[in-house]
N, C-alpha and C. Protein backbone atom coordinates (compact mmCIF):
# COMPACT_ATOMS: atom_id res chain seq x y z
N MET A 1 -24.00 -56.51 -132.60
CA MET A 1 -24.51 -56.20 -133.92
C MET A 1 -24.52 -57.49 -134.74
N PRO A 2 -25.63 -57.77 -135.38
CA PRO A 2 -25.70 -58.96 -136.24
C PRO A 2 -24.66 -58.89 -137.37
N LEU A 3 -24.23 -60.04 -137.79
CA LEU A 3 -23.18 -60.14 -138.81
C LEU A 3 -23.59 -59.47 -140.12
N LYS A 4 -24.84 -59.65 -140.52
CA LYS A 4 -25.32 -59.05 -141.77
C LYS A 4 -25.25 -57.52 -141.68
N ASP A 5 -25.64 -56.96 -140.53
CA ASP A 5 -25.58 -55.51 -140.35
C ASP A 5 -24.13 -55.02 -140.37
N SER A 6 -23.25 -55.80 -139.80
CA SER A 6 -21.83 -55.45 -139.79
C SER A 6 -21.27 -55.41 -141.21
N ILE A 7 -21.67 -56.36 -142.03
CA ILE A 7 -21.23 -56.40 -143.43
C ILE A 7 -21.77 -55.18 -144.18
N THR A 8 -23.02 -54.82 -143.90
CA THR A 8 -23.62 -53.65 -144.54
C THR A 8 -22.87 -52.38 -144.14
N GLU A 9 -22.54 -52.25 -142.87
CA GLU A 9 -21.78 -51.08 -142.41
C GLU A 9 -20.39 -51.04 -143.04
N ASP A 10 -19.75 -52.19 -143.16
CA ASP A 10 -18.45 -52.26 -143.82
C ASP A 10 -18.56 -51.84 -145.28
N MET A 11 -19.66 -52.21 -145.92
CA MET A 11 -19.87 -51.83 -147.31
C MET A 11 -20.01 -50.31 -147.43
N LYS A 12 -20.74 -49.71 -146.51
CA LYS A 12 -20.90 -48.25 -146.53
C LYS A 12 -19.56 -47.54 -146.33
N SER A 13 -18.75 -48.06 -145.42
CA SER A 13 -17.45 -47.43 -145.19
C SER A 13 -16.53 -47.62 -146.40
N ALA A 14 -16.64 -48.75 -147.08
CA ALA A 14 -15.84 -48.97 -148.29
C ALA A 14 -16.27 -48.01 -149.39
N MET A 15 -17.58 -47.74 -149.48
CA MET A 15 -18.06 -46.77 -150.47
C MET A 15 -17.49 -45.39 -150.19
N LYS A 16 -17.54 -44.98 -148.92
CA LYS A 16 -17.03 -43.66 -148.54
C LYS A 16 -15.53 -43.55 -148.77
N ALA A 17 -14.80 -44.63 -148.53
CA ALA A 17 -13.35 -44.62 -148.68
C ALA A 17 -12.92 -44.79 -150.14
N GLY A 18 -13.84 -45.20 -151.00
CA GLY A 18 -13.50 -45.41 -152.40
C GLY A 18 -12.72 -46.69 -152.64
N ASP A 19 -12.85 -47.65 -151.75
CA ASP A 19 -12.16 -48.94 -151.86
C ASP A 19 -13.00 -49.87 -152.74
N LYS A 20 -12.76 -49.83 -154.02
CA LYS A 20 -13.61 -50.54 -154.98
C LYS A 20 -13.53 -52.06 -154.85
N ASP A 21 -12.33 -52.59 -154.62
CA ASP A 21 -12.19 -54.04 -154.50
C ASP A 21 -12.95 -54.58 -153.30
N ARG A 22 -12.77 -53.92 -152.16
CA ARG A 22 -13.48 -54.33 -150.94
C ARG A 22 -14.99 -54.20 -151.13
N LEU A 23 -15.41 -53.14 -151.79
CA LEU A 23 -16.82 -52.91 -152.04
C LEU A 23 -17.42 -54.02 -152.89
N LYS A 24 -16.71 -54.44 -153.92
CA LYS A 24 -17.19 -55.53 -154.79
C LYS A 24 -17.38 -56.82 -154.01
N VAL A 25 -16.42 -57.13 -153.15
CA VAL A 25 -16.49 -58.37 -152.36
C VAL A 25 -17.68 -58.31 -151.40
N LEU A 26 -17.84 -57.19 -150.72
CA LEU A 26 -18.93 -57.06 -149.75
C LEU A 26 -20.30 -57.11 -150.45
N ARG A 27 -20.38 -56.51 -151.63
CA ARG A 27 -21.64 -56.58 -152.38
C ARG A 27 -21.95 -58.02 -152.80
N LEU A 28 -20.92 -58.74 -153.20
CA LEU A 28 -21.08 -60.15 -153.58
C LEU A 28 -21.59 -60.96 -152.39
N ILE A 29 -21.02 -60.72 -151.22
CA ILE A 29 -21.44 -61.42 -150.01
C ILE A 29 -22.89 -61.10 -149.67
N LEU A 30 -23.24 -59.82 -149.69
CA LEU A 30 -24.61 -59.44 -149.36
C LEU A 30 -25.61 -59.99 -150.38
N ALA A 31 -25.22 -60.03 -151.64
CA ALA A 31 -26.11 -60.59 -152.67
C ALA A 31 -26.36 -62.07 -152.41
N ALA A 32 -25.32 -62.80 -152.02
CA ALA A 32 -25.48 -64.23 -151.72
C ALA A 32 -26.38 -64.43 -150.51
N ILE A 33 -26.20 -63.60 -149.49
CA ILE A 33 -27.05 -63.69 -148.29
C ILE A 33 -28.50 -63.40 -148.65
N LYS A 34 -28.73 -62.35 -149.42
CA LYS A 34 -30.10 -61.99 -149.80
C LYS A 34 -30.74 -63.07 -150.66
N GLN A 35 -29.95 -63.71 -151.53
CA GLN A 35 -30.49 -64.79 -152.37
C GLN A 35 -30.97 -65.95 -151.51
N VAL A 36 -30.19 -66.31 -150.51
CA VAL A 36 -30.59 -67.40 -149.61
C VAL A 36 -31.83 -66.99 -148.82
N GLU A 37 -31.90 -65.73 -148.41
CA GLU A 37 -33.08 -65.26 -147.69
C GLU A 37 -34.33 -65.32 -148.55
N VAL A 38 -34.20 -64.95 -149.81
CA VAL A 38 -35.34 -65.00 -150.73
C VAL A 38 -35.76 -66.45 -150.97
N ASP A 39 -34.78 -67.32 -151.17
CA ASP A 39 -35.08 -68.73 -151.42
C ASP A 39 -35.75 -69.39 -150.22
N SER A 40 -35.28 -69.05 -149.02
CA SER A 40 -35.83 -69.69 -147.82
C SER A 40 -37.00 -68.92 -147.23
N ARG A 41 -37.24 -67.72 -147.74
CA ARG A 41 -38.33 -66.86 -147.28
C ARG A 41 -38.26 -66.55 -145.79
N LYS A 42 -37.03 -66.37 -145.30
CA LYS A 42 -36.85 -65.94 -143.92
C LYS A 42 -35.53 -65.21 -143.80
N GLU A 43 -35.43 -64.37 -142.77
CA GLU A 43 -34.20 -63.63 -142.54
C GLU A 43 -33.19 -64.55 -141.85
N LEU A 44 -31.95 -64.48 -142.30
CA LEU A 44 -30.91 -65.36 -141.76
C LEU A 44 -30.33 -64.81 -140.47
N ASP A 45 -30.07 -65.71 -139.53
CA ASP A 45 -29.37 -65.33 -138.30
C ASP A 45 -27.87 -65.51 -138.53
N ASP A 46 -27.07 -65.16 -137.52
CA ASP A 46 -25.61 -65.21 -137.67
C ASP A 46 -25.07 -66.58 -138.07
N PRO A 47 -25.52 -67.68 -137.45
CA PRO A 47 -24.99 -68.99 -137.88
C PRO A 47 -25.31 -69.30 -139.35
N ALA A 48 -26.49 -68.89 -139.81
CA ALA A 48 -26.85 -69.13 -141.21
C ALA A 48 -26.01 -68.26 -142.14
N VAL A 49 -25.73 -67.02 -141.74
CA VAL A 49 -24.87 -66.15 -142.54
C VAL A 49 -23.47 -66.74 -142.63
N LEU A 50 -22.97 -67.26 -141.52
CA LEU A 50 -21.66 -67.92 -141.54
C LEU A 50 -21.67 -69.13 -142.46
N GLY A 51 -22.78 -69.84 -142.50
CA GLY A 51 -22.90 -70.97 -143.42
C GLY A 51 -22.80 -70.54 -144.87
N VAL A 52 -23.44 -69.41 -145.19
CA VAL A 52 -23.36 -68.87 -146.55
C VAL A 52 -21.91 -68.50 -146.88
N LEU A 53 -21.25 -67.85 -145.93
CA LEU A 53 -19.85 -67.46 -146.14
C LEU A 53 -18.94 -68.67 -146.32
N GLU A 54 -19.15 -69.70 -145.51
CA GLU A 54 -18.35 -70.91 -145.63
C GLU A 54 -18.56 -71.58 -146.99
N LYS A 55 -19.79 -71.56 -147.46
CA LYS A 55 -20.10 -72.14 -148.77
C LYS A 55 -19.38 -71.36 -149.88
N MET A 56 -19.38 -70.02 -149.76
CA MET A 56 -18.71 -69.19 -150.75
C MET A 56 -17.21 -69.45 -150.75
N VAL A 57 -16.62 -69.58 -149.57
CA VAL A 57 -15.19 -69.85 -149.47
C VAL A 57 -14.86 -71.19 -150.11
N LYS A 58 -15.68 -72.20 -149.84
CA LYS A 58 -15.45 -73.53 -150.41
C LYS A 58 -15.53 -73.49 -151.94
N GLN A 59 -16.50 -72.74 -152.47
CA GLN A 59 -16.63 -72.62 -153.92
C GLN A 59 -15.38 -71.98 -154.52
N ARG A 60 -14.86 -70.93 -153.87
CA ARG A 60 -13.67 -70.25 -154.39
C ARG A 60 -12.45 -71.17 -154.32
N ARG A 61 -12.32 -71.91 -153.23
CA ARG A 61 -11.18 -72.82 -153.10
C ARG A 61 -11.25 -73.92 -154.16
N ASP A 62 -12.45 -74.44 -154.41
CA ASP A 62 -12.62 -75.46 -155.44
C ASP A 62 -12.27 -74.90 -156.82
N SER A 63 -12.66 -73.65 -157.07
CA SER A 63 -12.35 -73.02 -158.35
C SER A 63 -10.84 -72.87 -158.53
N VAL A 64 -10.16 -72.44 -157.48
CA VAL A 64 -8.70 -72.29 -157.55
C VAL A 64 -8.05 -73.64 -157.79
N GLU A 65 -8.52 -74.66 -157.10
CA GLU A 65 -7.96 -76.00 -157.26
C GLU A 65 -8.14 -76.51 -158.69
N GLN A 66 -9.33 -76.32 -159.25
CA GLN A 66 -9.59 -76.77 -160.61
C GLN A 66 -8.74 -75.98 -161.61
N PHE A 67 -8.57 -74.70 -161.36
CA PHE A 67 -7.78 -73.87 -162.26
C PHE A 67 -6.32 -74.31 -162.25
N THR A 68 -5.79 -74.59 -161.05
CA THR A 68 -4.39 -75.00 -160.98
C THR A 68 -4.18 -76.38 -161.59
N LYS A 69 -5.15 -77.26 -161.48
CA LYS A 69 -5.05 -78.58 -162.11
C LYS A 69 -5.15 -78.48 -163.62
N GLY A 70 -6.01 -77.56 -164.08
CA GLY A 70 -6.23 -77.42 -165.52
C GLY A 70 -5.11 -76.69 -166.23
N GLY A 71 -4.31 -75.97 -165.51
CA GLY A 71 -3.16 -75.32 -166.11
C GLY A 71 -3.46 -73.93 -166.46
């Protein structure tokens, strides 16, 4: 199963389970993937989806680092 489809299925199960935090994160991930797809005008394969996820992780780590430095 492609990674994007797996994320979509996880989102559906989070909706059914009422897990709001997990649902928010999965929606954020899917929105980022869809934005890249719209920008590039093509559907992303698994390596490209992993690239989007790695970029998101790096952004969050940078934000945490800046926050801890800023006090």
